Amino acid sequence: MRQRIRKGILAFSALMFPLTFFFLSPYVIVLSATTGVINGSAMVFGFLLLCSILFSRIYCGWLCPGGAVQDLISGANKRNWNSKGKNLSKYIIWAVWFSFILFLWIKHRPLKGEFLYLYQMDGQYIMIYAIVMTIIYLFTISTGRRGMCHSLCWMAPFMVIGETISDFLHIPRFRLKPNPDSCVSCKKCTKECPMGLDVSQMVRSGNMDSTECISCLVCVDICPKHAIGFGISKKRTH
């Protein structure tokens, strides 16, 4: 039932993506920064960072329209796309991109906030949307499940930073909770993980923390022995 609800929310998010794309666009925030404006996408990215301090990457697993589109496409390529090198690329891209935005903000001070700045459904908007959707489609087809999330996503680093802040300050946040004694190593959790994580090994190690986990709870619902729970808690020390 829970996964049906999650998939229903993601499907609705994907249908609304043409309207919400403005607030998630990696380009409009740059365009706004050139005029000294903190626009809606900048505010949304900041909001996601703050929310992740308590709720980790729930947005990615339950609300992200880009993730929803990738899940739909993954039926054509179910290969896992997950490794340190592949995951590192999104942080390099994000660092260059966000450093440029910071440079523009500093250059065009004083800044002003305007949530709907540049929001208009014109030809340029449609073209940028089409380009981003094409990139998501082609990259997912060529890489596999949630390949965009692992290697190119410009929003994930904001939430990973939020999780890091939470753990550094010992703030309880949403996380998975393993019960190694109940695990029978059937590996259903690993097989069904949309991010291609070795969930079974994470359970056996007693540590479910992963910056690539999107808190979709698929592993929780698929486990026949209820070896994975979830809740708000501080980071465990080992």
C-alpha atoms as a PDB file:
ATOM      1  CA  MET A   1       0.000   0.000   0.000  1.00  0.00           C
ATOM      2  CA  ARG A   2       2.757   2.424   0.948  1.00  0.00           C
ATOM      3  CA  GLN A   3       4.596   1.884  -2.332  1.00  0.00           C
ATOM      4  CA  ARG A   4       1.399   2.384  -4.330  1.00  0.00           C
ATOM      5  CA  ILE A   5       0.929   5.717  -2.598  1.00  0.00           C
ATOM      6  CA  ARG A   6       4.562   6.679  -3.261  1.00  0.00           C
ATOM      7  CA  LYS A   7       4.328   5.775  -6.936  1.00  0.00           C
ATOM      8  CA  GLY A   8       1.049   7.665  -7.224  1.00  0.00           C
ATOM      9  CA  ILE A   9       2.662  10.794  -5.768  1.00  0.00           C
ATOM     10  CA  LEU A  10       5.637  10.436  -8.111  1.00  0.00           C
ATOM     11  CA  ALA A  11       3.337   9.979 -11.115  1.00  0.00           C
ATOM     12  CA  PHE A  12       1.473  13.180 -10.240  1.00  0.00           C
ATOM     13  CA  SER A  13       4.790  14.973  -9.744  1.00  0.00           C
ATOM     14  CA  ALA A  14       5.919  13.864 -13.212  1.00  0.00           C
ATOM     15  CA  LEU A  15       2.658  15.126 -14.761  1.00  0.00           C
ATOM     16  CA  MET A  16       3.151  18.500 -13.083  1.00  0.00           C
ATOM     17  CA  PHE A  17       6.820  18.757 -14.078  1.00  0.00           C
ATOM     18  CA  PRO A  18       6.203  21.118 -17.026  1.00  0.00           C
ATOM     19  CA  LEU A  19       4.774  23.628 -14.528  1.00  0.00           C
ATOM     20  CA  THR A  20       7.191  23.031 -11.640  1.00  0.00           C
ATOM     21  CA  PHE A  21      10.335  22.763 -13.767  1.00  0.00           C
ATOM     22  CA  PHE A  22      10.994  26.495 -13.312  1.00  0.00           C
ATOM     23  CA  PHE A  23      11.485  25.998  -9.571  1.00  0.00           C
ATOM     24  CA  LEU A  24      13.904  23.094 -10.107  1.00  0.00           C
ATOM     25  CA  SER A  25      15.788  24.434 -13.112  1.00  0.00           C
ATOM     26  CA  PRO A  26      19.604  24.542 -12.991  1.00  0.00           C
ATOM     27  CA  TYR A  27      19.573  27.276 -15.648  1.00  0.00           C
ATOM     28  CA  VAL A  28      16.983  29.802 -14.445  1.00  0.00           C
ATOM     29  CA  ILE A  29      18.799  30.238 -11.130  1.00  0.00           C
ATOM     30  CA  VAL A  30      21.936  31.218 -13.083  1.00  0.00           C
ATOM     31  CA  LEU A  31      20.002  33.587 -15.308  1.00  0.00           C
ATOM     32  CA  SER A  32      18.450  35.239 -12.250  1.00  0.00           C
ATOM     33  CA  ALA A  33      21.822  35.507 -10.510  1.00  0.00           C
ATOM     34  CA  THR A  34      23.165  37.591 -13.422  1.00  0.00           C
ATOM     35  CA  THR A  35      20.726  40.328 -12.386  1.00  0.00           C
ATOM     36  CA  GLY A  36      21.257  39.967  -8.628  1.00  0.00           C
ATOM     37  CA  VAL A  37      17.992  38.133  -7.968  1.00  0.00           C
ATOM     38  CA  ILE A  38      17.463  35.138  -5.720  1.00  0.00           C
ATOM     39  CA  ASN A  39      14.606  33.489  -7.583  1.00  0.00           C
ATOM     40  CA  GLY A  40      12.196  30.660  -6.855  1.00  0.00           C
ATOM     41  CA  SER A  41      14.580  27.845  -7.755  1.00  0.00           C
ATOM     42  CA  ALA A  42      17.249  29.226  -5.407  1.00  0.00           C
ATOM     43  CA  MET A  43      14.663  29.355  -2.616  1.00  0.00           C
ATOM     44  CA  VAL A  44      13.498  25.806  -3.351  1.00  0.00           C
ATOM     45  CA  PHE A  45      17.069  24.469  -3.309  1.00  0.00           C
ATOM     46  CA  GLY A  46      17.673  26.195   0.025  1.00  0.00           C
ATOM     47  CA  PHE A  47      14.396  24.779   1.363  1.00  0.00           C
ATOM     48  CA  LEU A  48      15.406  21.254   0.308  1.00  0.00           C
ATOM     49  CA  LEU A  49      18.724  21.652   2.127  1.00  0.00           C
ATOM     50  CA  LEU A  50      16.958  22.732   5.327  1.00  0.00           C
ATOM     51  CA  CYS A  51      14.344  19.957   5.074  1.00  0.00           C
ATOM     52  CA  SER A  52      17.022  17.309   4.568  1.00  0.00           C
ATOM     53  CA  ILE A  53      18.468  18.136   7.984  1.00  0.00           C
ATOM     54  CA  LEU A  54      15.432  16.396   9.468  1.00  0.00           C
ATOM     55  CA  PHE A  55      14.019  14.326   6.612  1.00  0.00           C
ATOM     56  CA  SER A  56      17.131  13.228   4.684  1.00  0.00           C
ATOM     57  CA  ARG A  57      16.470  12.603   0.983  1.00  0.00           C
ATOM     58  CA  ILE A  58      12.765  11.798   1.253  1.00  0.00           C
ATOM     59  CA  TYR A  59      12.141  14.339  -1.500  1.00  0.00           C
ATOM     60  CA  CYS A  60      14.165  12.227  -3.945  1.00  0.00           C
ATOM     61  CA  GLY A  61      12.245   9.045  -3.230  1.00  0.00           C
ATOM     62  CA  TRP A  62       8.746  10.473  -2.888  1.00  0.00           C
ATOM     63  CA  LEU A  63       8.398  13.805  -4.704  1.00  0.00           C
ATOM     64  CA  CYS A  64      11.105  14.384  -7.306  1.00  0.00           C
ATOM     65  CA  PRO A  65       9.635  14.568 -10.834  1.00  0.00           C
ATOM     66  CA  GLY A  66      13.032  13.816 -12.360  1.00  0.00           C
ATOM     67  CA  GLY A  67      13.237  10.679 -10.252  1.00  0.00           C
ATOM     68  CA  ALA A  68       9.712   9.728 -11.297  1.00  0.00           C
ATOM     69  CA  VAL A  69      10.636  10.044 -14.977  1.00  0.00           C
ATOM     70  CA  GLN A  70      13.730   7.879 -14.417  1.00  0.00           C
ATOM     71  CA  ASP A  71      11.669   5.213 -12.662  1.00  0.00           C
ATOM     72  CA  LEU A  72       9.345   5.080 -15.660  1.00  0.00           C
ATOM     73  CA  ILE A  73      12.253   4.774 -18.084  1.00  0.00           C
ATOM     74  CA  SER A  74      14.134   2.207 -15.983  1.00  0.00           C
ATOM     75  CA  GLY A  75      11.940  -0.564 -17.363  1.00  0.00           C
ATOM     76  CA  ALA A  76      14.025  -0.320 -20.537  1.00  0.00           C
ATOM     77  CA  ASN A  77      17.332  -0.615 -18.663  1.00  0.00           C
ATOM     78  CA  LYS A  78      17.362  -2.084 -15.166  1.00  0.00           C
ATOM     79  CA  ARG A  79      21.132  -2.149 -14.836  1.00  0.00           C
ATOM     80  CA  ASN A  80      22.494  -0.713 -11.590  1.00  0.00           C
ATOM     81  CA  TRP A  81      24.545   2.461 -11.953  1.00  0.00           C
ATOM     82  CA  ASN A  82      26.243   2.994  -8.624  1.00  0.00           C
ATOM     83  CA  SER A  83      29.896   3.375  -7.684  1.00  0.00           C
ATOM     84  CA  LYS A  84      32.111   5.930  -5.970  1.00  0.00           C
ATOM     85  CA  GLY A  85      33.427   7.254  -9.270  1.00  0.00           C
ATOM     86  CA  LYS A  86      29.992   7.526 -10.866  1.00  0.00           C
ATOM     87  CA  ASN A  87      28.545   9.181  -7.769  1.00  0.00           C
ATOM     88  CA  LEU A  88      31.436  11.634  -7.478  1.00  0.00           C
ATOM     89  CA  SER A  89      30.719  13.309 -10.808  1.00  0.00           C
ATOM     90  CA  LYS A  90      27.552  15.028  -9.592  1.00  0.00           C
ATOM     91  CA  TYR A  91      29.467  16.720  -6.768  1.00  0.00           C
ATOM     92  CA  ILE A  92      32.111  18.017  -9.178  1.00  0.00           C
ATOM     93  CA  ILE A  93      29.411  19.364 -11.512  1.00  0.00           C
ATOM     94  CA  TRP A  94      27.517  20.863  -8.588  1.00  0.00           C
ATOM     95  CA  ALA A  95      30.641  22.546  -7.149  1.00  0.00           C
ATOM     96  CA  VAL A  96      31.434  24.258 -10.467  1.00  0.00           C
ATOM     97  CA  TRP A  97      27.802  25.228 -11.075  1.00  0.00           C
ATOM     98  CA  PHE A  98      27.094  26.561  -7.579  1.00  0.00           C
ATOM     99  CA  SER A  99      30.447  28.360  -7.349  1.00  0.00           C
ATOM    100  CA  PHE A 100      29.500  30.243 -10.510  1.00  0.00           C
ATOM    101  CA  ILE A 101      26.135  31.173  -8.981  1.00  0.00           C
ATOM    102  CA  LEU A 102      27.836  32.436  -5.813  1.00  0.00           C
ATOM    103  CA  PHE A 103      30.229  34.472  -7.961  1.00  0.00           C
ATOM    104  CA  LEU A 104      27.286  36.076  -9.764  1.00  0.00           C
ATOM    105  CA  TRP A 105      25.484  36.832  -6.519  1.00  0.00           C
ATOM    106  CA  ILE A 106      28.574  38.489  -5.064  1.00  0.00           C
ATOM    107  CA  LYS A 107      29.188  40.432  -8.258  1.00  0.00           C
ATOM    108  CA  HIS A 108      25.629  41.746  -8.489  1.00  0.00           C
ATOM    109  CA  ARG A 109      25.034  42.776  -4.889  1.00  0.00           C
ATOM    110  CA  PRO A 110      22.819  43.930  -3.281  1.00  0.00           C
ATOM    111  CA  LEU A 111      20.594  40.925  -3.873  1.00  0.00           C
ATOM    112  CA  LYS A 112      16.828  40.869  -3.870  1.00  0.00           C
ATOM    113  CA  GLY A 113      14.446  37.955  -3.593  1.00  0.00           C
ATOM    114  CA  GLU A 114      11.653  37.436  -6.086  1.00  0.00           C
ATOM    115  CA  PHE A 115      10.032  34.002  -6.113  1.00  0.00           C
ATOM    116  CA  LEU A 116       8.406  34.214  -9.571  1.00  0.00           C
ATOM    117  CA  TYR A 117      11.198  36.140 -11.271  1.00  0.00           C
ATOM    118  CA  LEU A 118      11.423  35.142 -14.977  1.00  0.00           C
ATOM    119  CA  TYR A 119       8.544  32.677 -14.611  1.00  0.00           C
ATOM    120  CA  GLN A 120       6.791  32.610 -17.945  1.00  0.00           C
ATOM    121  CA  MET A 121       5.749  29.803 -20.262  1.00  0.00           C
ATOM    122  CA  ASP A 122       7.433  30.996 -23.436  1.00  0.00           C
ATOM    123  CA  GLY A 123       9.443  29.350 -26.193  1.00  0.00           C
ATOM    124  CA  GLN A 124      12.720  29.567 -24.278  1.00  0.00           C
ATOM    125  CA  TYR A 125      11.181  27.880 -21.219  1.00  0.00           C
ATOM    126  CA  ILE A 126       9.806  25.044 -23.344  1.00  0.00           C
ATOM    127  CA  MET A 127      13.130  24.608 -25.125  1.00  0.00           C
ATOM    128  CA  ILE A 128      15.109  24.391 -21.869  1.00  0.00           C
ATOM    129  CA  TYR A 129      12.560  21.945 -20.449  1.00  0.00           C
ATOM    130  CA  ALA A 130      12.811  19.808 -23.574  1.00  0.00           C
ATOM    131  CA  ILE A 131      16.619  19.776 -23.412  1.00  0.00           C
ATOM    132  CA  VAL A 132      16.663  18.737 -19.734  1.00  0.00           C
ATOM    133  CA  MET A 133      14.043  16.016 -20.315  1.00  0.00           C
ATOM    134  CA  THR A 134      16.035  14.696 -23.267  1.00  0.00           C
ATOM    135  CA  ILE A 135      19.185  14.543 -21.139  1.00  0.00           C
ATOM    136  CA  ILE A 136      17.324  12.691 -18.379  1.00  0.00           C
ATOM    137  CA  TYR A 137      15.846  10.246 -20.900  1.00  0.00           C
ATOM    138  CA  LEU A 138      19.043   9.515 -22.814  1.00  0.00           C
ATOM    139  CA  PHE A 139      21.210   9.279 -19.705  1.00  0.00           C
ATOM    140  CA  THR A 140      18.811   6.895 -17.964  1.00  0.00           C
ATOM    141  CA  ILE A 141      18.448   4.727 -21.052  1.00  0.00           C
ATOM    142  CA  SER A 142      22.227   4.464 -21.424  1.00  0.00           C
ATOM    143  CA  THR A 143      23.182   4.051 -17.757  1.00  0.00           C
ATOM    144  CA  GLY A 144      20.378   2.310 -15.884  1.00  0.00           C
ATOM    145  CA  ARG A 145      18.276   2.808 -12.784  1.00  0.00           C
ATOM    146  CA  ARG A 146      18.411   6.373 -11.446  1.00  0.00           C
ATOM    147  CA  GLY A 147      21.628   7.033 -13.350  1.00  0.00           C
ATOM    148  CA  MET A 148      20.839  10.749 -13.398  1.00  0.00           C
ATOM    149  CA  CYS A 149      20.489  10.767  -9.603  1.00  0.00           C
ATOM    150  CA  HIS A 150      23.885   9.151  -9.188  1.00  0.00           C
ATOM    151  CA  SER A 151      25.923  11.135 -11.682  1.00  0.00           C
ATOM    152  CA  LEU A 152      24.284  14.373 -12.848  1.00  0.00           C
ATOM    153  CA  CYS A 153      21.658  15.563 -10.360  1.00  0.00           C
ATOM    154  CA  TRP A 154      22.201  19.186  -9.318  1.00  0.00           C
ATOM    155  CA  MET A 155      19.765  18.953  -6.368  1.00  0.00           C
ATOM    156  CA  ALA A 156      21.076  15.862  -4.544  1.00  0.00           C
ATOM    157  CA  PRO A 157      24.235  17.595  -3.190  1.00  0.00           C
ATOM    158  CA  PHE A 158      22.075  20.168  -1.385  1.00  0.00           C
ATOM    159  CA  MET A 159      20.320  17.362   0.498  1.00  0.00           C
ATOM    160  CA  VAL A 160      23.528  15.443   1.157  1.00  0.00           C
ATOM    161  CA  ILE A 161      24.932  18.633   2.699  1.00  0.00           C
ATOM    162  CA  GLY A 162      21.806  18.836   4.862  1.00  0.00           C
ATOM    163  CA  GLU A 163      22.285  15.254   6.035  1.00  0.00           C
ATOM    164  CA  THR A 164      25.950  15.966   6.800  1.00  0.00           C
ATOM    165  CA  ILE A 165      25.023  19.041   8.826  1.00  0.00           C
ATOM    166  CA  SER A 166      22.463  16.993  10.738  1.00  0.00           C
ATOM    167  CA  ASP A 167      24.952  14.265  11.627  1.00  0.00           C
ATOM    168  CA  PHE A 168      27.702  16.758  12.496  1.00  0.00           C
ATOM    169  CA  LEU A 169      25.393  18.607  14.898  1.00  0.00           C
ATOM    170  CA  HIS A 170      23.934  15.329  16.223  1.00  0.00           C
ATOM    171  CA  ILE A 171      20.443  16.294  15.093  1.00  0.00           C
ATOM    172  CA  PRO A 172      18.031  13.349  14.788  1.00  0.00           C
ATOM    173  CA  ARG A 173      16.893  12.811  11.173  1.00  0.00           C
ATOM    174  CA  PHE A 174      14.947  10.280   9.164  1.00  0.00           C
ATOM    175  CA  ARG A 175      16.971   7.132   8.537  1.00  0.00           C
ATOM    176  CA  LEU A 176      16.641   3.405   8.018  1.00  0.00           C
ATOM    177  CA  LYS A 177      17.178   1.129  11.027  1.00  0.00           C
ATOM    178  CA  PRO A 178      18.620  -2.371  10.460  1.00  0.00           C
ATOM    179  CA  ASN A 179      17.920  -5.503  12.466  1.00  0.00           C
ATOM    180  CA  PRO A 180      20.773  -7.833  11.416  1.00  0.00           C
ATOM    181  CA  ASP A 181      19.523 -10.725  13.548  1.00  0.00           C
ATOM    182  CA  SER A 182      16.341 -10.948  11.459  1.00  0.00           C
ATOM    183  CA  CYS A 183      18.101 -10.863   8.091  1.00  0.00           C
ATOM    184  CA  VAL A 184      18.150 -14.161   6.169  1.00  0.00           C
ATOM    185  CA  SER A 185      20.247 -12.775   3.271  1.00  0.00           C
ATOM    186  CA  CYS A 186      17.522 -13.312   0.674  1.00  0.00           C
ATOM    187  CA  LYS A 187      18.763 -10.080  -0.973  1.00  0.00           C
ATOM    188  CA  LYS A 188      15.320  -9.034  -2.129  1.00  0.00           C
ATOM    189  CA  CYS A 189      16.063  -5.575  -0.739  1.00  0.00           C
ATOM    190  CA  THR A 190      19.203  -5.259  -2.849  1.00  0.00           C
ATOM    191  CA  LYS A 191      17.447  -6.481  -5.982  1.00  0.00           C
ATOM    192  CA  GLU A 192      14.574  -4.018  -5.644  1.00  0.00           C
ATOM    193  CA  CYS A 193      16.534  -0.940  -4.494  1.00  0.00           C
ATOM    194  CA  PRO A 194      15.967   1.735  -7.186  1.00  0.00           C
ATOM    195  CA  MET A 195      19.367   3.252  -6.394  1.00  0.00           C
ATOM    196  CA  GLY A 196      21.223  -0.038  -6.832  1.00  0.00           C
ATOM    197  CA  LEU A 197      22.550  -0.102  -3.259  1.00  0.00           C
ATOM    198  CA  ASP A 198      23.735  -3.310  -1.616  1.00  0.00           C
ATOM    199  CA  VAL A 199      21.046  -3.033   1.031  1.00  0.00           C
ATOM    200  CA  SER A 200      21.510  -6.606   2.243  1.00  0.00           C
ATOM    201  CA  GLN A 201      25.143  -5.922   3.118  1.00  0.00           C
ATOM    202  CA  MET A 202      24.143  -2.665   4.821  1.00  0.00           C
ATOM    203  CA  VAL A 203      21.666  -4.542   7.009  1.00  0.00           C
ATOM    204  CA  ARG A 204      24.213  -7.174   7.979  1.00  0.00           C
ATOM    205  CA  SER A 205      26.767  -4.484   8.853  1.00  0.00           C
ATOM    206  CA  GLY A 206      24.250  -2.770  11.116  1.00  0.00           C
ATOM    207  CA  ASN A 207      24.714   0.552   9.327  1.00  0.00           C
ATOM    208  CA  MET A 208      22.078   1.726   6.822  1.00  0.00           C
ATOM    209  CA  ASP A 209      23.466   5.233   6.307  1.00  0.00           C
ATOM    210  CA  SER A 210      24.260   6.035   2.679  1.00  0.00           C
ATOM    211  CA  THR A 211      24.367   9.396   0.931  1.00  0.00           C
ATOM    212  CA  GLU A 212      22.803   7.650  -2.088  1.00  0.00           C
ATOM    213  CA  CYS A 213      19.774   6.372  -0.154  1.00  0.00           C
ATOM    214  CA  ILE A 214      16.603   8.224  -1.200  1.00  0.00           C
ATOM    215  CA  SER A 215      14.405   6.964   1.668  1.00  0.00           C
ATOM    216  CA  CYS A 216      11.892   5.375  -0.705  1.00  0.00           C
ATOM    217  CA  LEU A 217      11.301   2.542   1.817  1.00  0.00           C
ATOM    218  CA  VAL A 218      11.142  -0.099  -0.925  1.00  0.00           C
ATOM    219  CA  CYS A 219      13.565  -2.247   1.053  1.00  0.00           C
ATOM    220  CA  VAL A 220      11.441  -1.887   4.180  1.00  0.00           C
ATOM    221  CA  ASP A 221       8.321  -3.041   2.378  1.00  0.00           C
ATOM    222  CA  ILE A 222       9.963  -5.868   0.397  1.00  0.00           C
ATOM    223  CA  CYS A 223      11.746  -7.521   3.330  1.00  0.00           C
ATOM    224  CA  PRO A 224       9.897 -10.740   4.328  1.00  0.00           C
ATOM    225  CA  LYS A 225      11.486 -10.788   7.797  1.00  0.00           C
ATOM    226  CA  HIS A 226      11.020  -7.105   8.687  1.00  0.00           C
ATOM    227  CA  ALA A 227      14.764  -6.721   9.115  1.00  0.00           C
ATOM    228  CA  ILE A 228      14.633  -3.026   8.152  1.00  0.00           C
ATOM    229  CA  GLY A 229      12.770  -0.330  10.031  1.00  0.00           C
ATOM    230  CA  PHE A 230      12.789   3.443   9.839  1.00  0.00           C
ATOM    231  CA  GLY A 231      12.319   6.499  12.006  1.00  0.00           C
ATOM    232  CA  ILE A 232      13.872   9.710  13.290  1.00  0.00           C
ATOM    233  CA  SER A 233      17.141   9.087  15.110  1.00  0.00           C
ATOM    234  CA  LYS A 234      20.695  10.329  15.564  1.00  0.00           C
ATOM    235  CA  LYS A 235      23.611   8.818  13.707  1.00  0.00           C
ATOM    236  CA  ARG A 236      24.841   5.602  15.289  1.00  0.00           C
ATOM    237  CA  THR A 237      28.466   5.432  16.384  1.00  0.00           C
ATOM    238  CA  HIS A 238      30.424   2.297  15.593  1.00  0.00           C
END
